[in-house]
Amino acid sequence: MNGTSFSADIRYWLRQGNTINLLLFWNVIVFLVVGIVYLIGKIAPSTGFISLFIADNLSIHSNVFAFLRKPWGLVTYMFTHFEFLHILFNMLNLYWFGNIFRSFLGNQRILPLYLLGGIAGGLAYLLVYNLVFGGANVPMIGASASVMAILIACATKLPNYEIGLLLIGTIRLKWLAIIVIVLDLVSLTQGNIGGITAHMGGALFGFIYIQLLNNGTDLGQPLIWLFNRPARSANARRRSFKPKKSPLKVVKPGMEENKQLRLDQLLDKINDNGIESLSPEERAWLKKMSQE
């Protein structure tokens, strides 16, 4: 295998402007780094404290006083996994439902929903352990709350959207969401109360997020504004740049070039804001183009 080609493929994959790819990448990187450190600790026991230190600082702690000493855990926990099956199922669900969400509601809403859903799940976890279990300190990791927020957001926005599942067949998102929530609630009797509480917190946030979005309020807008600052700065620099006038005659682009330019603009709009951001006229034009 050509190492240069592999690294080029990774760079190309990351530069596609798909936030789902970036989230997958960083979750896997953290998993590999933690796994390698843990393996080194097994081989050289004298270094085992490093893996314990990393795990302690990447987790969210349920005890409020332990949490206040390491508040960054409210964010880092949703990028951290220790077990292969845990990260595998979370990343598969993130890929499937994240790309559905991205197609309809835009790429720029993915990261805010992932972060806010994870934060909602983390806060629900803190609340339950401090009110119900007397502040017992049980660390938690995993992207499940964030992924649950995206899944429920998809099911709330597109309840009748059909997906195909292995061994099950075609199922509508609303039924899949109900099944997932019921299975989570049933498994409460088997332990992992903190994790399931976080799932429910993320699910509730995903539902509320779409309900408010349908009414014109985007809870992720402050984060969208923050994360898009570099892009806005670059656009502002381009707008402020005034090229020198050329004595050469400017040739207007032909009809085909105009079509390609408009197509590129509409595809960029879909990527950033989702297909629902298109006007009826823009949708009709795209449909006409697809039939030519």
C-alpha atoms as a PDB file:
ATOM      1  CA  MET A   1       0.000   0.000   0.000  1.00  0.00           C
ATOM      2  CA  ASN A   2       1.300   3.445  -0.902  1.00  0.00           C
ATOM      3  CA  GLY A   3       1.535   5.503   2.331  1.00  0.00           C
ATOM      4  CA  THR A   4       1.516   8.785   0.430  1.00  0.00           C
ATOM      5  CA  SER A   5      -1.640   7.789  -1.424  1.00  0.00           C
ATOM      6  CA  PHE A   6      -3.309   6.748   1.847  1.00  0.00           C
ATOM      7  CA  SER A   7      -2.524  10.065   3.557  1.00  0.00           C
ATOM      8  CA  ALA A   8      -3.700  11.943   0.445  1.00  0.00           C
ATOM      9  CA  ASP A   9      -6.984  10.023   0.538  1.00  0.00           C
ATOM     10  CA  ILE A  10      -7.442  10.948   4.209  1.00  0.00           C
ATOM     11  CA  ARG A  11      -6.748  14.634   3.488  1.00  0.00           C
ATOM     12  CA  TYR A  12      -9.184  14.600   0.574  1.00  0.00           C
ATOM     13  CA  TRP A  13     -11.844  12.889   2.724  1.00  0.00           C
ATOM     14  CA  LEU A  14     -11.445  15.515   5.462  1.00  0.00           C
ATOM     15  CA  ARG A  15     -11.473  18.462   3.037  1.00  0.00           C
ATOM     16  CA  GLN A  16     -14.848  17.566   1.507  1.00  0.00           C
ATOM     17  CA  GLY A  17     -16.547  19.950   3.916  1.00  0.00           C
ATOM     18  CA  ASN A  18     -18.556  17.177   5.587  1.00  0.00           C
ATOM     19  CA  THR A  19     -18.633  17.714   9.362  1.00  0.00           C
ATOM     20  CA  ILE A  20     -19.662  14.083   9.858  1.00  0.00           C
ATOM     21  CA  ASN A  21     -16.265  13.042   8.463  1.00  0.00           C
ATOM     22  CA  LEU A  22     -14.488  15.333  10.927  1.00  0.00           C
ATOM     23  CA  LEU A  23     -16.468  13.982  13.890  1.00  0.00           C
ATOM     24  CA  LEU A  24     -15.733  10.405  12.837  1.00  0.00           C
ATOM     25  CA  PHE A  25     -12.057  11.247  12.417  1.00  0.00           C
ATOM     26  CA  TRP A  26     -11.593  12.840  15.850  1.00  0.00           C
ATOM     27  CA  ASN A  27     -13.555  10.135  17.654  1.00  0.00           C
ATOM     28  CA  VAL A  28     -11.389   7.456  16.049  1.00  0.00           C
ATOM     29  CA  ILE A  29      -8.162   9.390  16.731  1.00  0.00           C
ATOM     30  CA  VAL A  30      -9.003   9.751  20.428  1.00  0.00           C
ATOM     31  CA  PHE A  31      -9.929   6.053  20.597  1.00  0.00           C
ATOM     32  CA  LEU A  32      -6.611   5.022  19.007  1.00  0.00           C
ATOM     33  CA  VAL A  33      -4.496   7.327  21.177  1.00  0.00           C
ATOM     34  CA  VAL A  34      -6.180   6.146  24.389  1.00  0.00           C
ATOM     35  CA  GLY A  35      -5.884   2.526  23.249  1.00  0.00           C
ATOM     36  CA  ILE A  36      -2.173   2.856  22.453  1.00  0.00           C
ATOM     37  CA  VAL A  37      -1.467   4.510  25.811  1.00  0.00           C
ATOM     38  CA  TYR A  38      -3.414   1.757  27.576  1.00  0.00           C
ATOM     39  CA  LEU A  39      -1.463  -0.925  25.665  1.00  0.00           C
ATOM     40  CA  ILE A  40       1.851   0.691  26.634  1.00  0.00           C
ATOM     41  CA  GLY A  41       0.672   0.681  30.256  1.00  0.00           C
ATOM     42  CA  LYS A  42       0.049  -3.068  30.021  1.00  0.00           C
ATOM     43  CA  ILE A  43       3.481  -3.715  28.525  1.00  0.00           C
ATOM     44  CA  ALA A  44       5.275  -1.348  30.906  1.00  0.00           C
ATOM     45  CA  PRO A  45       3.263  -1.288  34.154  1.00  0.00           C
ATOM     46  CA  SER A  46       5.308   1.624  35.478  1.00  0.00           C
ATOM     47  CA  THR A  47       3.584   3.860  32.883  1.00  0.00           C
ATOM     48  CA  GLY A  48       0.086   2.614  33.677  1.00  0.00           C
ATOM     49  CA  PHE A  49      -0.727   5.783  35.611  1.00  0.00           C
ATOM     50  CA  ILE A  50      -0.726   7.723  32.310  1.00  0.00           C
ATOM     51  CA  SER A  51      -3.731   5.832  30.943  1.00  0.00           C
ATOM     52  CA  LEU A  52      -5.554   6.283  34.256  1.00  0.00           C
ATOM     53  CA  PHE A  53      -4.790  10.006  34.177  1.00  0.00           C
ATOM     54  CA  ILE A  54      -6.072  10.354  30.591  1.00  0.00           C
ATOM     55  CA  ALA A  55      -9.245   8.376  31.280  1.00  0.00           C
ATOM     56  CA  ASP A  56      -9.938  10.408  34.422  1.00  0.00           C
ATOM     57  CA  ASN A  57      -9.548  13.701  32.576  1.00  0.00           C
ATOM     58  CA  LEU A  58     -11.509  12.803  29.447  1.00  0.00           C
ATOM     59  CA  SER A  59     -14.522  11.397  31.307  1.00  0.00           C
ATOM     60  CA  ILE A  60     -17.417  13.353  32.766  1.00  0.00           C
ATOM     61  CA  HIS A  61     -17.764  12.784  36.529  1.00  0.00           C
ATOM     62  CA  SER A  62     -21.224  12.416  38.033  1.00  0.00           C
ATOM     63  CA  ASN A  63     -20.338  13.860  41.438  1.00  0.00           C
ATOM     64  CA  VAL A  64     -20.871  17.603  41.216  1.00  0.00           C
ATOM     65  CA  PHE A  65     -17.693  18.468  43.122  1.00  0.00           C
ATOM     66  CA  ALA A  66     -15.579  16.102  41.012  1.00  0.00           C
ATOM     67  CA  PHE A  67     -17.206  17.588  37.914  1.00  0.00           C
ATOM     68  CA  LEU A  68     -16.430  21.164  38.973  1.00  0.00           C
ATOM     69  CA  ARG A  69     -12.752  20.221  39.305  1.00  0.00           C
ATOM     70  CA  LYS A  70     -12.785  18.930  35.699  1.00  0.00           C
ATOM     71  CA  PRO A  71     -15.640  20.718  33.897  1.00  0.00           C
ATOM     72  CA  TRP A  72     -14.094  20.132  30.460  1.00  0.00           C
ATOM     73  CA  GLY A  73     -15.343  16.558  30.782  1.00  0.00           C
ATOM     74  CA  LEU A  74     -18.773  17.823  29.692  1.00  0.00           C
ATOM     75  CA  VAL A  75     -17.299  18.153  26.186  1.00  0.00           C
ATOM     76  CA  THR A  76     -14.420  15.643  26.074  1.00  0.00           C
ATOM     77  CA  TYR A  77     -16.551  12.697  27.193  1.00  0.00           C
ATOM     78  CA  MET A  78     -18.559  12.777  23.956  1.00  0.00           C
ATOM     79  CA  PHE A  79     -15.390  12.180  21.891  1.00  0.00           C
ATOM     80  CA  THR A  80     -14.011   9.368  24.064  1.00  0.00           C
ATOM     81  CA  HIS A  81     -14.469   5.599  23.817  1.00  0.00           C
ATOM     82  CA  PHE A  82     -12.512   2.760  25.410  1.00  0.00           C
ATOM     83  CA  GLU A  83     -14.213  -0.281  23.861  1.00  0.00           C
ATOM     84  CA  PHE A  84     -14.258  -1.218  20.176  1.00  0.00           C
ATOM     85  CA  LEU A  85     -17.944  -2.172  19.962  1.00  0.00           C
ATOM     86  CA  HIS A  86     -18.911   1.019  21.774  1.00  0.00           C
ATOM     87  CA  ILE A  87     -17.215   3.280  19.228  1.00  0.00           C
ATOM     88  CA  LEU A  88     -18.234   1.041  16.303  1.00  0.00           C
ATOM     89  CA  PHE A  89     -21.977   1.299  16.946  1.00  0.00           C
ATOM     90  CA  ASN A  90     -21.805   4.994  17.824  1.00  0.00           C
ATOM     91  CA  MET A  91     -19.846   5.878  14.691  1.00  0.00           C
ATOM     92  CA  LEU A  92     -22.079   3.780  12.425  1.00  0.00           C
ATOM     93  CA  ASN A  93     -25.157   5.550  13.770  1.00  0.00           C
ATOM     94  CA  LEU A  94     -23.429   8.917  13.526  1.00  0.00           C
ATOM     95  CA  TYR A  95     -22.559   8.217   9.882  1.00  0.00           C
ATOM     96  CA  TRP A  96     -26.039   6.999   8.898  1.00  0.00           C
ATOM     97  CA  PHE A  97     -28.247   9.490  10.694  1.00  0.00           C
ATOM     98  CA  GLY A  98     -25.772  12.356  10.597  1.00  0.00           C
ATOM     99  CA  ASN A  99     -25.695  12.299   6.814  1.00  0.00           C
ATOM    100  CA  ILE A 100     -29.498  12.148   6.633  1.00  0.00           C
ATOM    101  CA  PHE A 101     -29.687  15.190   8.922  1.00  0.00           C
ATOM    102  CA  ARG A 102     -26.974  16.948   6.918  1.00  0.00           C
ATOM    103  CA  SER A 103     -28.779  16.386   3.607  1.00  0.00           C
ATOM    104  CA  PHE A 104     -32.012  18.023   4.768  1.00  0.00           C
ATOM    105  CA  LEU A 105     -30.878  20.598   7.342  1.00  0.00           C
ATOM    106  CA  GLY A 106     -27.361  21.456   6.282  1.00  0.00           C
ATOM    107  CA  ASN A 107     -23.777  20.737   7.183  1.00  0.00           C
ATOM    108  CA  GLN A 108     -23.391  23.756   9.462  1.00  0.00           C
ATOM    109  CA  ARG A 109     -25.984  22.453  11.957  1.00  0.00           C
ATOM    110  CA  ILE A 110     -24.261  19.093  12.529  1.00  0.00           C
ATOM    111  CA  LEU A 111     -21.536  20.142  14.991  1.00  0.00           C
ATOM    112  CA  PRO A 112     -23.799  22.406  17.101  1.00  0.00           C
ATOM    113  CA  LEU A 113     -26.387  19.617  17.442  1.00  0.00           C
ATOM    114  CA  TYR A 114     -23.691  17.039  18.254  1.00  0.00           C
ATOM    115  CA  LEU A 115     -22.194  19.265  20.970  1.00  0.00           C
ATOM    116  CA  LEU A 116     -25.472  20.519  22.432  1.00  0.00           C
ATOM    117  CA  GLY A 117     -27.003  17.038  22.418  1.00  0.00           C
ATOM    118  CA  GLY A 118     -23.945  15.691  24.223  1.00  0.00           C
ATOM    119  CA  ILE A 119     -24.053  18.545  26.738  1.00  0.00           C
ATOM    120  CA  ALA A 120     -27.775  17.937  27.363  1.00  0.00           C
ATOM    121  CA  GLY A 121     -27.052  14.255  27.959  1.00  0.00           C
ATOM    122  CA  GLY A 122     -24.171  15.085  30.292  1.00  0.00           C
ATOM    123  CA  LEU A 123     -26.290  17.516  32.321  1.00  0.00           C
ATOM    124  CA  ALA A 124     -29.111  14.950  32.629  1.00  0.00           C
ATOM    125  CA  TYR A 125     -26.528  12.439  33.866  1.00  0.00           C
ATOM    126  CA  LEU A 126     -25.228  14.897  36.471  1.00  0.00           C
ATOM    127  CA  LEU A 127     -28.736  15.791  37.599  1.00  0.00           C
ATOM    128  CA  VAL A 128     -29.898  12.195  38.119  1.00  0.00           C
ATOM    129  CA  TYR A 129     -26.768  11.058  39.956  1.00  0.00           C
ATOM    130  CA  ASN A 130     -26.777  14.040  42.319  1.00  0.00           C
ATOM    131  CA  LEU A 131     -30.515  14.075  43.030  1.00  0.00           C
ATOM    132  CA  VAL A 132     -31.274  10.348  43.021  1.00  0.00           C
ATOM    133  CA  PHE A 133     -28.011   8.620  43.936  1.00  0.00           C
ATOM    134  CA  GLY A 134     -26.616  11.099  46.449  1.00  0.00           C
ATOM    135  CA  GLY A 135     -23.764  12.350  44.294  1.00  0.00           C
ATOM    136  CA  ALA A 136     -22.045   9.008  43.686  1.00  0.00           C
ATOM    137  CA  ASN A 137     -19.039   9.545  41.438  1.00  0.00           C
ATOM    138  CA  VAL A 138     -19.316   7.343  38.344  1.00  0.00           C
ATOM    139  CA  PRO A 139     -17.294   8.508  35.302  1.00  0.00           C
ATOM    140  CA  MET A 140     -18.960   8.288  31.883  1.00  0.00           C
ATOM    141  CA  ILE A 141     -17.683   8.409  28.308  1.00  0.00           C
ATOM    142  CA  GLY A 142     -19.122   7.964  24.828  1.00  0.00           C
ATOM    143  CA  ALA A 143     -20.859   9.817  21.989  1.00  0.00           C
ATOM    144  CA  SER A 144     -24.190   8.050  22.543  1.00  0.00           C
ATOM    145  CA  ALA A 145     -26.065  11.136  23.815  1.00  0.00           C
ATOM    146  CA  SER A 146     -24.857  13.201  20.838  1.00  0.00           C
ATOM    147  CA  VAL A 147     -25.756  10.465  18.364  1.00  0.00           C
ATOM    148  CA  MET A 148     -29.143  10.017  20.038  1.00  0.00           C
ATOM    149  CA  ALA A 149     -29.832  13.741  19.625  1.00  0.00           C
ATOM    150  CA  ILE A 150     -29.119  13.468  15.899  1.00  0.00           C
ATOM    151  CA  LEU A 151     -31.244  10.320  15.512  1.00  0.00           C
ATOM    152  CA  ILE A 152     -34.263  11.814  17.295  1.00  0.00           C
ATOM    153  CA  ALA A 153     -33.830  15.106  15.428  1.00  0.00           C
ATOM    154  CA  CYS A 154     -33.977  13.174  12.137  1.00  0.00           C
ATOM    155  CA  ALA A 155     -37.039  11.209  13.261  1.00  0.00           C
ATOM    156  CA  THR A 156     -38.787  14.385  14.422  1.00  0.00           C
ATOM    157  CA  LYS A 157     -38.060  16.274  11.213  1.00  0.00           C
ATOM    158  CA  LEU A 158     -38.551  13.354   8.831  1.00  0.00           C
ATOM    159  CA  PRO A 159     -40.828  10.864  10.638  1.00  0.00           C
ATOM    160  CA  ASN A 160     -41.835   8.997   7.467  1.00  0.00           C
ATOM    161  CA  TYR A 161     -38.351   8.867   5.926  1.00  0.00           C
ATOM    162  CA  GLU A 162     -37.572   5.216   5.169  1.00  0.00           C
ATOM    163  CA  ILE A 163     -34.222   3.529   5.676  1.00  0.00           C
ATOM    164  CA  GLY A 164     -33.138  -0.060   5.054  1.00  0.00           C
ATOM    165  CA  LEU A 165     -31.717  -2.060   7.969  1.00  0.00           C
ATOM    166  CA  LEU A 166     -29.888  -5.369   7.727  1.00  0.00           C
ATOM    167  CA  LEU A 167     -32.102  -8.346   8.687  1.00  0.00           C
ATOM    168  CA  ILE A 168     -35.058  -6.001   9.338  1.00  0.00           C
ATOM    169  CA  GLY A 169     -35.773  -4.378   6.010  1.00  0.00           C
ATOM    170  CA  THR A 170     -37.283  -0.966   5.382  1.00  0.00           C
ATOM    171  CA  ILE A 171     -38.477   1.000   8.396  1.00  0.00           C
ATOM    172  CA  ARG A 172     -39.630   4.569   8.948  1.00  0.00           C
ATOM    173  CA  LEU A 173     -37.508   6.787  11.155  1.00  0.00           C
ATOM    174  CA  LYS A 174     -40.325   7.447  13.635  1.00  0.00           C
ATOM    175  CA  TRP A 175     -40.699   3.726  14.381  1.00  0.00           C
ATOM    176  CA  LEU A 176     -36.953   3.245  14.640  1.00  0.00           C
ATOM    177  CA  ALA A 177     -36.710   6.117  17.134  1.00  0.00           C
ATOM    178  CA  ILE A 178     -39.531   4.667  19.248  1.00  0.00           C
ATOM    179  CA  ILE A 179     -37.905   1.218  19.231  1.00  0.00           C
ATOM    180  CA  VAL A 180     -34.526   2.652  20.306  1.00  0.00           C
ATOM    181  CA  ILE A 181     -36.068   4.632  23.167  1.00  0.00           C
ATOM    182  CA  VAL A 182     -38.158   1.661  24.377  1.00  0.00           C
ATOM    183  CA  LEU A 183     -35.109  -0.634  24.308  1.00  0.00           C
ATOM    184  CA  ASP A 184     -33.153   1.926  26.324  1.00  0.00           C
ATOM    185  CA  LEU A 185     -35.908   2.220  28.940  1.00  0.00           C
ATOM    186  CA  VAL A 186     -36.320  -1.559  29.200  1.00  0.00           C
ATOM    187  CA  SER A 187     -32.574  -1.965  29.783  1.00  0.00           C
ATOM    188  CA  LEU A 188     -32.716   0.311  32.846  1.00  0.00           C
ATOM    189  CA  THR A 189     -33.219  -2.794  34.976  1.00  0.00           C
ATOM    190  CA  GLN A 190     -29.865  -4.160  33.737  1.00  0.00           C
ATOM    191  CA  GLY A 191     -27.768  -1.253  34.998  1.00  0.00           C
ATOM    192  CA  ASN A 192     -26.003   1.575  33.124  1.00  0.00           C
ATOM    193  CA  ILE A 193     -28.533   4.034  34.500  1.00  0.00           C
ATOM    194  CA  GLY A 194     -26.177   6.941  33.914  1.00  0.00           C
ATOM    195  CA  GLY A 195     -25.616   6.077  30.266  1.00  0.00           C
ATOM    196  CA  ILE A 196     -29.307   5.610  29.548  1.00  0.00           C
ATOM    197  CA  THR A 197     -30.107   8.875  31.344  1.00  0.00           C
ATOM    198  CA  ALA A 198     -27.617  10.606  29.055  1.00  0.00           C
ATOM    199  CA  HIS A 199     -29.263   8.954  26.034  1.00  0.00           C
ATOM    200  CA  MET A 200     -32.642  10.298  27.102  1.00  0.00           C
ATOM    201  CA  GLY A 201     -31.199  13.772  27.678  1.00  0.00           C
ATOM    202  CA  GLY A 202     -29.736  13.776  24.175  1.00  0.00           C
ATOM    203  CA  ALA A 203     -32.980  12.416  22.700  1.00  0.00           C
ATOM    204  CA  LEU A 204     -35.065  15.081  24.438  1.00  0.00           C
ATOM    205  CA  PHE A 205     -32.756  17.801  23.175  1.00  0.00           C
ATOM    206  CA  GLY A 206     -32.958  16.477  19.602  1.00  0.00           C
ATOM    207  CA  PHE A 207     -36.758  16.572  19.771  1.00  0.00           C
ATOM    208  CA  ILE A 208     -36.878  20.098  21.269  1.00  0.00           C
ATOM    209  CA  TYR A 209     -34.269  21.331  18.793  1.00  0.00           C
ATOM    210  CA  ILE A 210     -36.391  20.401  15.772  1.00  0.00           C
ATOM    211  CA  GLN A 211     -39.634  21.658  17.322  1.00  0.00           C
ATOM    212  CA  LEU A 212     -38.062  25.073  17.916  1.00  0.00           C
ATOM    213  CA  LEU A 213     -36.360  25.031  14.508  1.00  0.00           C
ATOM    214  CA  ASN A 214     -39.729  24.445  12.851  1.00  0.00           C
ATOM    215  CA  ASN A 215     -40.963  27.564  14.650  1.00  0.00           C
ATOM    216  CA  GLY A 216     -38.025  29.652  13.458  1.00  0.00           C
ATOM    217  CA  THR A 217     -35.644  29.335  16.456  1.00  0.00           C
ATOM    218  CA  ASP A 218     -32.291  27.628  15.918  1.00  0.00           C
ATOM    219  CA  LEU A 219     -30.718  26.767  19.290  1.00  0.00           C
ATOM    220  CA  GLY A 220     -27.430  26.089  17.531  1.00  0.00           C
ATOM    221  CA  GLN A 221     -27.210  29.502  15.860  1.00  0.00           C
ATOM    222  CA  PRO A 222     -24.630  30.967  18.316  1.00  0.00           C
ATOM    223  CA  LEU A 223     -22.339  27.998  17.670  1.00  0.00           C
ATOM    224  CA  ILE A 224     -22.945  28.208  13.919  1.00  0.00           C
ATOM    225  CA  TRP A 225     -21.919  31.881  14.058  1.00  0.00           C
ATOM    226  CA  LEU A 226     -18.826  31.018  16.123  1.00  0.00           C
ATOM    227  CA  PHE A 227     -17.631  28.112  13.968  1.00  0.00           C
ATOM    228  CA  ASN A 228     -18.232  30.001  10.698  1.00  0.00           C
ATOM    229  CA  ARG A 229     -16.150  33.035  11.669  1.00  0.00           C
ATOM    230  CA  PRO A 230     -13.097  31.964   9.570  1.00  0.00           C
ATOM    231  CA  ALA A 231     -15.326  31.465   6.521  1.00  0.00           C
ATOM    232  CA  ARG A 232     -16.977  34.854   7.038  1.00  0.00           C
ATOM    233  CA  SER A 233     -13.590  36.532   7.369  1.00  0.00           C
ATOM    234  CA  ALA A 234     -12.375  34.931   4.158  1.00  0.00           C
ATOM    235  CA  ASN A 235     -15.547  36.028   2.340  1.00  0.00           C
ATOM    236  CA  ALA A 236     -15.153  39.559   3.675  1.00  0.00           C
ATOM    237  CA  ARG A 237     -11.564  39.700   2.419  1.00  0.00           C
ATOM    238  CA  ARG A 238     -12.680  38.509  -0.995  1.00  0.00           C
ATOM    239  CA  ARG A 239     -15.439  41.121  -1.128  1.00  0.00           C
ATOM    240  CA  SER A 240     -13.078  43.912  -0.089  1.00  0.00           C
ATOM    241  CA  PHE A 241     -10.499  42.970  -2.706  1.00  0.00           C
ATOM    242  CA  LYS A 242     -10.895  45.099  -5.822  1.00  0.00           C
ATOM    243  CA  PRO A 243      -8.892  43.874  -8.795  1.00  0.00           C
ATOM    244  CA  LYS A 244      -7.293  46.394 -11.096  1.00  0.00           C
ATOM    245  CA  LYS A 245      -9.242  47.200 -14.207  1.00  0.00           C
ATOM    246  CA  SER A 246      -7.971  45.377 -17.222  1.00  0.00           C
ATOM    247  CA  PRO A 247      -7.853  47.002 -20.634  1.00  0.00           C
ATOM    248  CA  LEU A 248      -8.848  43.676 -22.129  1.00  0.00           C
ATOM    249  CA  LYS A 249     -12.442  43.187 -23.140  1.00  0.00           C
ATOM    250  CA  VAL A 250     -14.378  41.029 -20.697  1.00  0.00           C
ATOM    251  CA  VAL A 251     -16.017  38.071 -22.361  1.00  0.00           C
ATOM    252  CA  LYS A 252     -19.329  37.118 -20.811  1.00  0.00           C
ATOM    253  CA  PRO A 253     -19.614  33.447 -19.963  1.00  0.00           C
ATOM    254  CA  GLY A 254     -21.741  31.306 -22.204  1.00  0.00           C
ATOM    255  CA  MET A 255     -25.026  29.655 -21.309  1.00  0.00           C
ATOM    256  CA  GLU A 256     -23.375  26.397 -20.215  1.00  0.00           C
ATOM    257  CA  GLU A 257     -20.964  28.279 -17.933  1.00  0.00           C
ATOM    258  CA  ASN A 258     -23.876  30.188 -16.410  1.00  0.00           C
ATOM    259  CA  LYS A 259     -25.696  26.924 -15.751  1.00  0.00           C
ATOM    260  CA  GLN A 260     -22.617  25.400 -14.108  1.00  0.00           C
ATOM    261  CA  LEU A 261     -22.095  28.498 -11.971  1.00  0.00           C
ATOM    262  CA  ARG A 262     -25.680  28.446 -10.711  1.00  0.00           C
ATOM    263  CA  LEU A 263     -25.523  24.697 -10.128  1.00  0.00           C
ATOM    264  CA  ASP A 264     -22.366  25.115  -8.027  1.00  0.00           C
ATOM    265  CA  GLN A 265     -24.013  27.900  -6.013  1.00  0.00           C
ATOM    266  CA  LEU A 266     -27.121  25.826  -5.293  1.00  0.00           C
ATOM    267  CA  LEU A 267     -25.058  22.767  -4.325  1.00  0.00           C
ATOM    268  CA  ASP A 268     -23.031  24.928  -1.931  1.00  0.00           C
ATOM    269  CA  LYS A 269     -26.278  26.243  -0.462  1.00  0.00           C
ATOM    270  CA  ILE A 270     -27.577  22.694   0.059  1.00  0.00           C
ATOM    271  CA  ASN A 271     -24.303  21.643   1.684  1.00  0.00           C
ATOM    272  CA  ASP A 272     -24.350  24.559   4.119  1.00  0.00           C
ATOM    273  CA  ASN A 273     -28.058  24.860   4.939  1.00  0.00           C
ATOM    274  CA  GLY A 274     -29.769  21.706   3.681  1.00  0.00           C
ATOM    275  CA  ILE A 275     -32.117  21.073   0.800  1.00  0.00           C
ATOM    276  CA  GLU A 276     -34.991  22.759   2.653  1.00  0.00           C
ATOM    277  CA  SER A 277     -33.194  26.088   2.301  1.00  0.00           C
ATOM    278  CA  LEU A 278     -33.923  26.090  -1.448  1.00  0.00           C
ATOM    279  CA  SER A 279     -36.813  28.135  -2.767  1.00  0.00           C
ATOM    280  CA  PRO A 280     -39.507  26.430  -4.920  1.00  0.00           C
ATOM    281  CA  GLU A 281     -37.992  28.107  -7.976  1.00  0.00           C
ATOM    282  CA  GLU A 282     -34.511  26.780  -7.145  1.00  0.00           C
ATOM    283  CA  ARG A 283     -35.866  23.261  -6.592  1.00  0.00           C
ATOM    284  CA  ALA A 284     -37.713  23.364  -9.894  1.00  0.00           C
ATOM    285  CA  TRP A 285     -34.539  24.516 -11.674  1.00  0.00           C
ATOM    286  CA  LEU A 286     -32.485  21.688 -10.125  1.00  0.00           C
ATOM    287  CA  LYS A 287     -35.144  19.165 -11.111  1.00  0.00           C
ATOM    288  CA  LYS A 288     -35.112  20.472 -14.665  1.00  0.00           C
ATOM    289  CA  MET A 289     -31.311  20.238 -14.779  1.00  0.00           C
ATOM    290  CA  SER A 290     -31.378  16.644 -13.539  1.00  0.00           C
ATOM    291  CA  GLN A 291     -33.701  15.693 -16.392  1.00  0.00           C
ATOM    292  CA  GLU A 292     -31.589  17.191 -19.169  1.00  0.00           C
END
